[in-house]
Structure formats: structure tokens, C-alpha cells
Protein backbone atom coordinates (compact mmCIF):
# COMPACT_ATOMS: atom_id res chain seq x y z
CA UNK A 1 64.81 71.04 90.40
CA UNK A 2 63.34 71.92 86.97
CA UNK A 3 59.81 71.75 88.38
CA UNK A 4 60.81 73.99 91.31
CA UNK A 5 62.42 76.52 88.97
CA UNK A 6 59.42 76.52 86.62
CA UNK A 7 57.07 77.05 89.56
CA UNK A 8 59.22 79.96 90.83
CA UNK A 9 59.25 81.52 87.35
CA UNK A 10 55.47 81.04 87.08
CA UNK A 11 54.85 82.72 90.46
CA UNK A 12 57.29 85.52 89.60
CA UNK A 13 55.49 86.05 86.32
CA UNK A 14 52.13 86.33 88.08
CA UNK A 15 53.57 88.88 90.53
CA UNK A 16 55.13 90.94 87.73
CA UNK A 17 51.96 90.78 85.64
CA UNK A 18 49.91 91.96 88.62
CA UNK A 19 52.26 94.89 89.11
CA UNK A 20 52.06 95.87 85.45
CA UNK A 21 48.31 95.47 85.25
CA UNK A 22 47.78 98.01 88.00
CA UNK A 23 46.90 101.59 87.15
CA UNK A 24 49.91 102.88 89.08
CA UNK A 25 53.64 102.30 88.82
CA UNK A 26 54.99 101.27 92.20
CA UNK A 27 58.30 102.78 93.26
CA UNK A 28 59.84 101.46 96.47
CA UNK A 29 61.46 104.07 98.71
CA UNK A 30 63.87 103.10 101.53
CA UNK A 31 64.12 105.72 104.31
CA UNK A 32 64.88 105.91 108.04
CA UNK A 33 61.51 107.04 109.40
CA UNK A 34 62.15 105.93 112.98
CA UNK A 35 65.33 105.89 115.02
CA UNK A 36 68.13 108.45 115.30
CA UNK A 37 68.04 109.43 111.62
CA UNK A 38 64.26 109.85 111.39
CA UNK A 39 64.49 113.64 111.07
CA UNK A 40 66.36 113.29 107.79
CA UNK A 41 64.17 110.43 106.56
CA UNK A 42 61.05 112.51 107.08
CA UNK A 43 62.53 115.33 104.97
CA UNK A 44 63.24 112.81 102.20
CA UNK A 45 59.74 111.36 102.52
CA UNK A 46 58.19 114.81 102.03
CA UNK A 47 60.36 115.40 98.95
CA UNK A 48 59.42 112.03 97.44
CA UNK A 49 55.70 112.69 97.91
CA UNK A 50 56.06 116.21 96.50
CA UNK A 51 57.85 114.92 93.40
CA UNK A 52 55.27 112.17 92.86
CA UNK A 53 52.42 114.65 93.26
CA UNK A 54 53.93 116.99 90.66
CA UNK A 55 54.66 114.20 88.18
CA UNK A 56 51.16 112.76 88.53
CA UNK A 57 49.58 116.21 88.16
CA UNK A 58 51.48 116.55 84.90
CA UNK A 59 50.02 113.36 83.45
CA UNK A 60 52.16 110.80 85.25
CA UNK A 61 54.44 108.46 83.33
CA UNK A 62 53.00 107.59 79.94
CA UNK A 63 49.52 108.09 81.35
CA UNK A 64 50.07 106.07 84.54
CA UNK A 65 50.50 107.54 88.00
CA UNK A 66 53.55 106.71 90.04
CA UNK A 67 52.92 105.34 93.52
CA UNK A 68 55.71 105.60 96.09
CA UNK A 69 55.68 102.65 98.53
CA UNK A 70 57.73 103.93 101.46
CA UNK A 71 59.52 101.50 103.77
CA UNK A 72 61.25 102.26 107.08
CA UNK A 73 64.86 101.05 107.37
CA UNK A 74 65.14 102.48 110.91
CA UNK A 75 68.70 103.31 109.84
CA UNK A 76 69.69 99.70 110.63
CA UNK A 77 71.00 96.98 108.28
CA UNK A 78 68.70 94.19 109.53
CA UNK A 79 65.60 96.39 109.34
CA UNK A 80 66.68 97.58 105.91
CA UNK A 81 67.07 94.02 104.61
CA UNK A 82 63.62 93.05 105.89
CA UNK A 83 62.05 96.20 104.41
CA UNK A 84 63.52 95.79 100.94
CA UNK A 85 62.58 92.12 100.77
CA UNK A 86 58.98 93.11 101.46
CA UNK A 87 59.09 95.80 98.76
CA UNK A 88 60.37 93.29 96.22
CA UNK A 89 58.46 90.14 97.16
CA UNK A 90 55.15 91.48 98.48
CA UNK A 91 54.71 95.02 97.19
CA UNK A 92 55.98 94.12 93.71
CA UNK A 93 57.72 97.44 93.12
CA UNK A 94 59.40 98.08 89.78
CA UNK A 95 62.37 100.07 91.06
CA UNK A 96 63.68 101.35 94.39
CA UNK A 97 65.08 104.70 95.55
CA UNK A 98 66.43 105.98 98.84
CA UNK A 99 69.16 105.16 101.31
CA UNK A 100 70.52 107.45 104.01
CA UNK A 101 72.65 105.49 106.46
CA UNK A 102 75.56 103.92 104.60
CA UNK A 103 75.47 100.74 106.72
CA UNK A 104 71.74 100.19 106.11
CA UNK A 105 72.05 101.15 102.44
CA UNK A 106 74.96 98.75 101.92
CA UNK A 107 72.80 95.92 103.26
CA UNK A 108 69.78 96.85 101.12
CA UNK A 109 71.85 97.33 97.96
CA UNK A 110 73.20 93.82 98.38
CA UNK A 111 69.64 92.46 98.50
CA UNK A 112 68.63 94.58 95.49
CA UNK A 113 71.54 93.27 93.44
CA UNK A 114 70.80 89.66 94.39
CA UNK A 115 67.20 90.13 93.27
CA UNK A 116 68.13 92.13 90.16
CA UNK A 117 66.11 95.08 91.34
CA UNK A 118 67.27 98.54 90.17
CA UNK A 119 68.09 100.79 93.13
CA UNK A 120 68.85 104.53 92.91
CA UNK A 121 70.78 105.57 96.03
CA UNK A 122 69.98 109.11 97.15
CA UNK A 123 72.02 109.90 100.25
CA UNK A 124 74.34 107.19 101.53
CA UNK A 125 77.90 108.36 100.90
CA UNK A 126 80.21 105.41 101.68
CA UNK A 127 82.50 104.98 98.68
CA UNK A 128 82.19 101.19 98.63
CA UNK A 129 78.52 101.28 97.59
CA UNK A 130 79.46 101.97 93.96
CA UNK A 131 82.76 100.07 94.04
CA UNK A 132 81.36 96.53 93.83
CA UNK A 133 80.54 96.43 90.13
CA UNK A 134 76.87 95.96 91.02
CA UNK A 135 74.95 96.44 87.77
CA UNK A 136 71.61 97.19 89.45
CA UNK A 137 72.91 99.86 91.86
CA UNK A 138 73.08 103.56 90.86
CA UNK A 139 73.98 106.56 93.00
CA UNK A 140 72.96 110.20 92.58
CA UNK A 141 74.94 111.85 95.38
CA UNK A 142 78.67 112.39 95.85
CA UNK A 143 80.73 109.76 97.73
CA UNK A 144 82.28 110.98 100.96
CA UNK A 145 85.80 110.88 99.52
CA UNK A 146 84.85 113.49 96.94
CA UNK A 147 83.76 115.92 99.64
CA UNK A 148 87.23 115.56 101.11
CA UNK A 149 88.71 116.00 97.63
CA UNK A 150 86.93 119.36 97.45
CA UNK A 151 88.57 120.38 100.75
CA UNK A 152 91.91 119.25 99.38
CA UNK A 153 91.50 121.22 96.15
CA UNK A 154 90.39 124.30 98.07
CA UNK A 155 93.30 124.19 100.53
CA UNK A 156 95.75 123.46 97.69
CA UNK A 157 94.48 126.52 95.81
CA UNK A 158 95.14 128.71 98.84
CA UNK A 159 98.57 127.17 99.37
CA UNK A 160 99.50 127.65 95.73
CA UNK A 161 99.38 131.38 96.42
CA UNK A 162 100.11 131.79 100.11
CA UNK A 163 101.81 128.51 101.19
CA UNK A 164 100.61 129.22 104.71
CA UNK A 165 98.47 126.23 105.71
CA UNK A 166 100.81 123.55 107.00
CA UNK A 167 99.25 122.09 110.16
CA UNK A 168 95.75 120.96 111.08
CA UNK A 169 93.68 120.15 114.16
CA UNK A 170 90.97 117.56 113.49
CA UNK A 171 87.94 117.57 115.83
CA UNK A 172 84.73 115.62 115.41
CA UNK A 173 81.50 114.57 117.11
CA UNK A 174 81.70 111.16 118.74
CA UNK A 175 79.76 108.97 116.30
CA UNK A 176 80.76 106.32 113.77
CA UNK A 177 79.81 108.52 110.81
CA UNK A 178 81.68 111.60 112.02
CA UNK A 179 84.68 109.56 113.12
CA UNK A 180 84.87 108.02 109.64
CA UNK A 181 85.01 111.48 108.04
CA UNK A 182 87.71 112.58 110.47
CA UNK A 183 89.71 109.39 109.93
CA UNK A 184 89.60 109.83 106.15
CA UNK A 185 90.71 113.45 106.41
CA UNK A 186 93.57 112.37 108.70
CA UNK A 187 94.69 109.84 106.08
CA UNK A 188 94.59 112.49 103.35
CA UNK A 189 96.38 115.19 105.36
CA UNK A 190 99.84 114.09 104.28
CA UNK A 191 98.90 114.40 100.59
CA UNK A 192 98.06 118.03 101.27
CA UNK A 193 101.34 118.69 103.03
CA UNK A 194 99.43 119.10 106.31
CA UNK A 195 100.76 117.92 109.64
CA UNK A 196 97.97 116.79 112.01
CA UNK A 197 98.82 118.21 115.44
CA UNK A 198 95.70 117.02 117.25
CA UNK A 199 92.82 114.61 116.57
CA UNK A 200 90.08 114.53 119.20
CA UNK A 201 86.37 113.87 119.46
CA UNK A 202 83.75 115.70 121.50
CA UNK A 203 80.44 114.41 122.83
CA UNK A 204 77.05 115.23 121.34
CA UNK A 205 75.48 118.09 123.26
CA UNK A 206 78.80 119.66 124.28
CA UNK A 207 78.24 123.28 125.28
CA UNK A 208 81.71 124.21 126.51
CA UNK A 209 84.41 123.64 123.90
CA UNK A 210 87.00 125.73 125.74
CA UNK A 211 89.02 122.82 127.19
CA UNK A 212 89.32 121.31 123.70
CA UNK A 213 90.05 124.68 122.13
CA UNK A 214 92.76 125.38 124.73
CA UNK A 215 94.49 122.14 123.75
CA UNK A 216 94.22 123.17 120.11
CA UNK A 217 95.51 126.66 120.85
CA UNK A 218 98.59 125.17 122.51
CA UNK A 219 99.39 123.34 119.24
CA UNK A 220 98.91 126.54 117.16
CA UNK A 221 97.53 124.89 113.99
CA UNK A 222 96.95 126.81 110.77
CA UNK A 223 93.69 124.98 110.05
CA UNK A 224 90.86 123.44 112.06
CA UNK A 225 88.84 120.73 110.34
CA UNK A 226 85.66 119.99 112.29
CA UNK A 227 82.84 117.49 111.82
CA UNK A 228 79.93 118.58 114.02
CA UNK A 229 76.60 116.86 114.63
CA UNK A 230 74.25 119.86 114.85
CA UNK A 231 74.16 123.55 113.99
CA UNK A 232 73.88 124.79 117.57
CA UNK A 233 76.98 122.88 118.66
CA UNK A 234 78.89 124.00 115.57
CA UNK A 235 77.92 127.61 116.31
CA UNK A 236 78.98 127.32 119.95
CA UNK A 237 82.38 126.02 118.87
CA UNK A 238 83.13 128.91 116.49
CA UNK A 239 81.82 131.52 118.94
CA UNK A 240 84.14 130.26 121.66
CA UNK A 241 86.98 129.95 119.16
CA UNK A 242 86.57 133.63 118.26
CA UNK A 243 86.37 134.65 121.94
CA UNK A 244 89.63 132.81 122.65
CA UNK A 245 91.32 134.48 119.65
CA UNK A 246 92.91 131.40 118.16
CA UNK A 247 95.38 132.46 115.51
CA UNK A 248 93.87 130.37 112.70
CA UNK A 249 94.34 130.87 109.01
CA UNK A 250 91.31 128.77 108.05
CA UNK A 251 88.39 126.91 109.65
CA UNK A 252 86.68 124.21 107.59
CA UNK A 253 83.50 122.52 108.78
CA UNK A 254 82.31 119.29 107.23
CA UNK A 255 78.61 118.84 106.61
CA UNK A 256 75.23 120.42 106.98
CA UNK A 257 75.75 121.70 110.54
CA UNK A 258 77.89 124.58 109.31
CA UNK A 259 75.74 125.74 106.39
CA UNK A 260 72.25 125.94 107.88
CA UNK A 261 70.78 129.37 108.68
CA UNK A 262 70.53 128.25 112.32
CA UNK A 263 74.31 128.06 112.43
CA UNK A 264 74.66 131.70 111.40
CA UNK A 265 71.85 132.75 113.75
CA UNK A 266 73.51 131.10 116.76
CA UNK A 267 77.08 132.00 115.81
CA UNK A 268 76.43 135.63 114.91
CA UNK A 269 79.52 137.48 113.71
CA UNK A 270 81.67 134.42 114.49
CA UNK A 271 80.13 132.67 111.46
CA UNK A 272 81.68 135.18 109.04
CA UNK A 273 84.25 133.58 106.73
CA UNK A 274 83.76 130.06 108.15
CA UNK A 275 84.09 127.57 105.28
CA UNK A 276 82.16 124.31 105.00
CA UNK A 277 81.72 121.40 102.66
CA UNK A 278 78.28 120.95 101.08
CA UNK A 279 76.65 118.66 98.54
CA UNK A 280 73.79 120.96 97.49
CA UNK A 281 72.44 124.46 98.01
CA UNK A 282 69.47 126.24 96.40
CA UNK A 283 71.99 128.88 95.28
CA UNK A 284 73.25 126.46 92.60
CA UNK A 285 72.57 127.77 89.08
CA UNK A 286 70.72 124.59 88.06
CA UNK A 287 67.27 125.11 86.64
CA UNK A 288 64.62 124.63 89.30
CA UNK A 289 66.93 124.44 92.33
CA UNK A 290 65.75 127.62 94.01
CA UNK A 291 62.14 127.10 92.90
CA UNK A 292 62.16 123.62 94.47
CA UNK A 293 63.51 125.06 97.71
CA UNK A 294 60.81 127.74 97.82
CA UNK A 295 57.98 125.30 96.96
CA UNK A 296 59.16 122.85 99.61
CA UNK A 297 59.28 125.55 102.30
CA UNK A 298 55.84 126.86 101.31
CA UNK A 299 54.35 123.37 101.41
CA UNK A 300 56.00 121.92 104.52
CA UNK A 301 57.18 124.98 106.49
CA UNK A 302 60.70 123.57 106.68
CA UNK A 303 63.75 123.55 104.41
CA UNK A 304 64.52 120.51 102.26
CA UNK A 305 68.31 120.71 102.75
CA UNK A 306 70.31 118.45 100.46
CA UNK A 307 68.47 115.36 101.79
CA UNK A 308 65.22 116.52 100.24
CA UNK A 309 66.87 117.70 97.02
CA UNK A 310 68.45 114.27 96.51
CA UNK A 311 65.19 112.42 97.14
CA UNK A 312 63.22 114.74 94.84
CA UNK A 313 65.80 114.34 92.08
CA UNK A 314 65.74 110.56 92.45
CA UNK A 315 62.02 110.38 91.72
CA UNK A 316 62.55 112.70 88.73
CA UNK A 317 65.30 110.43 87.41
CA UNK A 318 63.24 107.27 87.93
CA UNK A 319 60.20 108.80 86.21
CA UNK A 320 62.41 109.74 83.26
CA UNK A 321 63.74 106.16 83.04
CA UNK A 322 60.22 104.69 83.26
CA UNK A 323 59.07 106.92 80.39
CA UNK A 324 61.88 105.53 78.24
CA UNK A 325 61.15 101.89 79.13
CA UNK A 326 58.82 100.16 76.67
CA UNK A 327 58.36 96.97 78.69
CA UNK A 328 58.32 97.70 82.41
CA UNK A 329 60.48 94.91 83.73
CA UNK A 330 63.36 95.50 86.21
CA UNK A 331 66.07 94.59 83.66
CA UNK A 332 64.66 97.07 81.13
CA UNK A 333 64.33 99.78 83.78
CA UNK A 334 67.91 99.11 84.82
CA UNK A 335 69.03 99.56 81.20
CA UNK A 336 67.08 102.82 80.91
CA UNK A 337 68.66 104.17 84.12
CA UNK A 338 72.10 103.33 82.73
CA UNK A 339 71.37 105.58 79.73
CA UNK A 340 70.13 108.52 81.82
CA UNK A 341 71.22 111.99 80.71
CA UNK A 342 69.07 114.50 82.56
CA UNK A 343 69.37 117.92 84.16
CA UNK A 344 67.93 118.00 87.68
CA UNK A 345 67.90 120.35 90.65
CA UNK A 346 71.12 118.59 91.77
CA UNK A 347 72.74 119.24 88.43
CA UNK A 348 73.35 116.92 85.47
CA UNK A 349 72.67 113.24 86.12
CA UNK A 350 74.58 110.66 84.14
CA UNK A 351 75.69 107.36 85.66
CA UNK A 352 79.30 106.69 84.70
CA UNK A 353 82.29 104.59 85.68
CA UNK A 354 85.55 106.14 86.92
CA UNK A 355 88.33 105.13 89.27
CA UNK A 356 86.87 102.12 91.11
CA UNK A 357 83.28 103.28 90.82
CA UNK A 358 80.52 102.20 88.50
CA UNK A 359 77.11 103.75 87.81
CA UNK A 360 78.01 106.74 89.94
CA UNK A 361 76.68 110.20 89.13
CA UNK A 362 79.63 112.58 89.08
CA UNK A 363 78.66 115.85 90.74
CA UNK A 364 81.17 118.29 92.22
CA UNK A 365 81.20 118.63 95.98
CA UNK A 366 80.93 122.24 97.08
CA UNK A 367 82.72 124.56 99.46
CA UNK A 368 80.58 127.31 100.98
CA UNK A 369 81.78 130.34 102.91
CA UNK A 370 79.74 132.70 105.08
CA UNK A 371 80.19 136.14 103.51
CA UNK A 372 78.11 139.10 104.72
CA UNK A 373 75.73 136.73 106.48
CA UNK A 374 75.09 134.47 103.48
CA UNK A 375 76.45 131.00 102.69
CA UNK A 376 78.06 131.60 99.29
CA UNK A 377 79.47 128.97 96.94
CA UNK A 378 83.22 129.61 96.70
CA UNK A 379 84.35 126.28 95.20
CA UNK A 380 84.49 124.96 92.53
CA UNK A 381 85.17 128.15 90.65
CA UNK A 382 82.74 127.52 87.78
CA UNK A 383 79.82 127.36 90.25
CA UNK A 384 81.02 130.09 92.62
CA UNK A 385 78.60 132.82 93.63
CA UNK A 386 81.43 134.76 95.36
CA UNK A 387 85.21 134.70 95.46
CA UNK A 388 86.43 133.20 98.72
CA UNK A 389 87.80 135.53 101.36
CA UNK A 390 91.34 134.66 102.44
CA UNK A 391 92.92 135.53 104.71
CA UNK A 392 89.85 136.22 106.81
CA UNK A 393 89.93 139.56 108.62
CA UNK A 394 90.76 139.11 112.30
């Protein structure tokens, strides 16, 4: 047993020494580059490469260039486990970033923790990821529950003045991720004093929402909470809602589908005063946020969305930790990450413990509202670019 352990330690030492002797610092990056989530993974990949290019052009990290080693999780737990094991055992990376699908990220985080490999999560939002007490797992982005907390705070603010929003219709795209958001909102409705009067899903690609909207209209809710899977479908829903003249007090969309410019382009006037959750927008007053957005668009001819912003910030955070690490071993890098205090395009990054979470960056989730054709930040108040419009003109 002692001989086996000594041999393992010897081999591990050779691998680590090889990694450190190289002229570059290898950073593993876990992304879905194939499969249903590949569109988002490719945005993150572009942002990672852009961040690395900028850091290296500026002298790298203590004179060494960073080298992203990008692995495809395919958005699947088994593929993710295989990919991260290769990054750790064969590619000899020093630290890992990434994670989009919560199920795949959960699986890869477990492997990272077992191997004592620091992992900075950039997109997966399941609360449980930072609720395990895993000392090698850090997360930049907001957990899903905190997006729903933002909705709750926003609705409570309105009700503190008007006391008008008492019932809700919950509608969502038929997928595990969207269903989970809808289920969580349903559980929280009672805390808001909201009575759910309908909870239904719709299929991806739905073009005619009128049958669903007729059932909603019959229940006469004050609020519709919708989780859509693409901007065109989200736009179709609100256009038909406006045509049918539902007597709503508020419509809240959850996620990127309701804040993209394509949504406003497809929805037209029906987009006005629609409210949506968001985790990032280039309108945030954080230094470099808008500049990053413009550089990304100029370079790749597409918008980074929050996926790209999270990935870009992760590489910035890791580079900062590597600069502060005298001996580049995973444990030392982990300790440097734990002491991070850095302003990024996402906002301030500091990994803290609160409630059941550990090593979680605490950023506010946002509420955006379309006002005069622009998605404005209306919540939280200290970040608002406009005061929210309520009640919305009919």
C-alpha cells in the first residue's frame, strides 16, 4: 500500500512538474460545444479565447501566457465526467472554469472536488452546486433561486404601494430546465401572497399561443410569469396576448428570451413595458461592461449575452488568482481564489458563504423592463437605469 501510494505521489509530482515547467499556464475550460446547448457553449468559448488573448497581449500572468484547454461536456453528465478527468489527468491543467448545464456541471464539480482541483463555475445556476461545502468549487453567477428572489422583491415593491397583484398564471416551455424554474416560482408564490390560477407548459416551436392564452384569460390573473425557450416564441406570446387584450397588471418573463433585441424586433409595440429577469446586461455601470460588449460584437459579429460575460469574467478572475499564487499548485490556487476581491464586467467578485452556500459570488439578479424600445434596468434600485413603469398603459 505504501509503495503504491509513493508511486502515485511520484507520478503526480512528475505531471505537476511538467505542467509548471511549461511556458504556458494551462486552464481547463468545460463547455457544451456539441448537443442542444452548443450555441451557448460557443459564445462562452469565444469569450474565453478573447480574454486569454487580451491577458497574454498584456504580458500574461507573471510573464507566462495562459493557455485555455477547452473540453466539450456535450451538456451531459457522463461526457462532462470523462472530459474533466482528461483535463486533470492528461492535460495537467492548474485550474478549471466553465459549466453551463447544471446537471453536467454538478457531475464535473464532484470530480473536481474529489481530485482537489479548483473549479470556477460560470453559468450553471442550480442552487445545490454551492451548497455541498465543497472547498474547491467556486461560482461567479447567481443561483436560480436568487433570480426568483428578484421577482419576489420587485412584485412586493409594487404591492407595497398598489396591493393589486394577487393571482398568477405560470406558463413555461416544456423542458427540464424551464419546468424547474416554473416549479420553484410556484413554490414561492404563496410567500408573495399570490394565488396560482393556472400552471401549464407549451411545446418548443409553438406559434399559436391563443388556446393557452384563452385558458389564462378565463382565469383573469393579475400576473403572468413565463419561462420561454427562444426570443421568437416569447415575442409571439406577448403579441398574441396584446391582441387578445388580456387584462393583466404585470407580465414577467424569466430569462434571456425576453431581453434580447430579437424579442423587441419580433414583438414590436407589444414588447413595451414587458418585464424580465436578467443576470447581466452591458448597461450595468461596472467598468468595462459596455466596452466588452462592443469589442465582442466587433470581433465575432454576435452579442456575448450574459453567457459570454460570465466566461470572460471567469478567466479574468483566474488570471488574478494565478498572479497572487507564488507556487502554482492546485491547493495554493484554491486559496488565492478564496481571497479574491476584484471588480469585473459582472460586478464585484468575492467568494463568500451565506445561507447554505459557500464560495458563492453574491451578485444581484436584475429586472429589466422594455421602455421606449430599450431594455432598461429597473431593479434593484441602486443599479436602475430607469424607474419602472407601473401600471403599464393599456
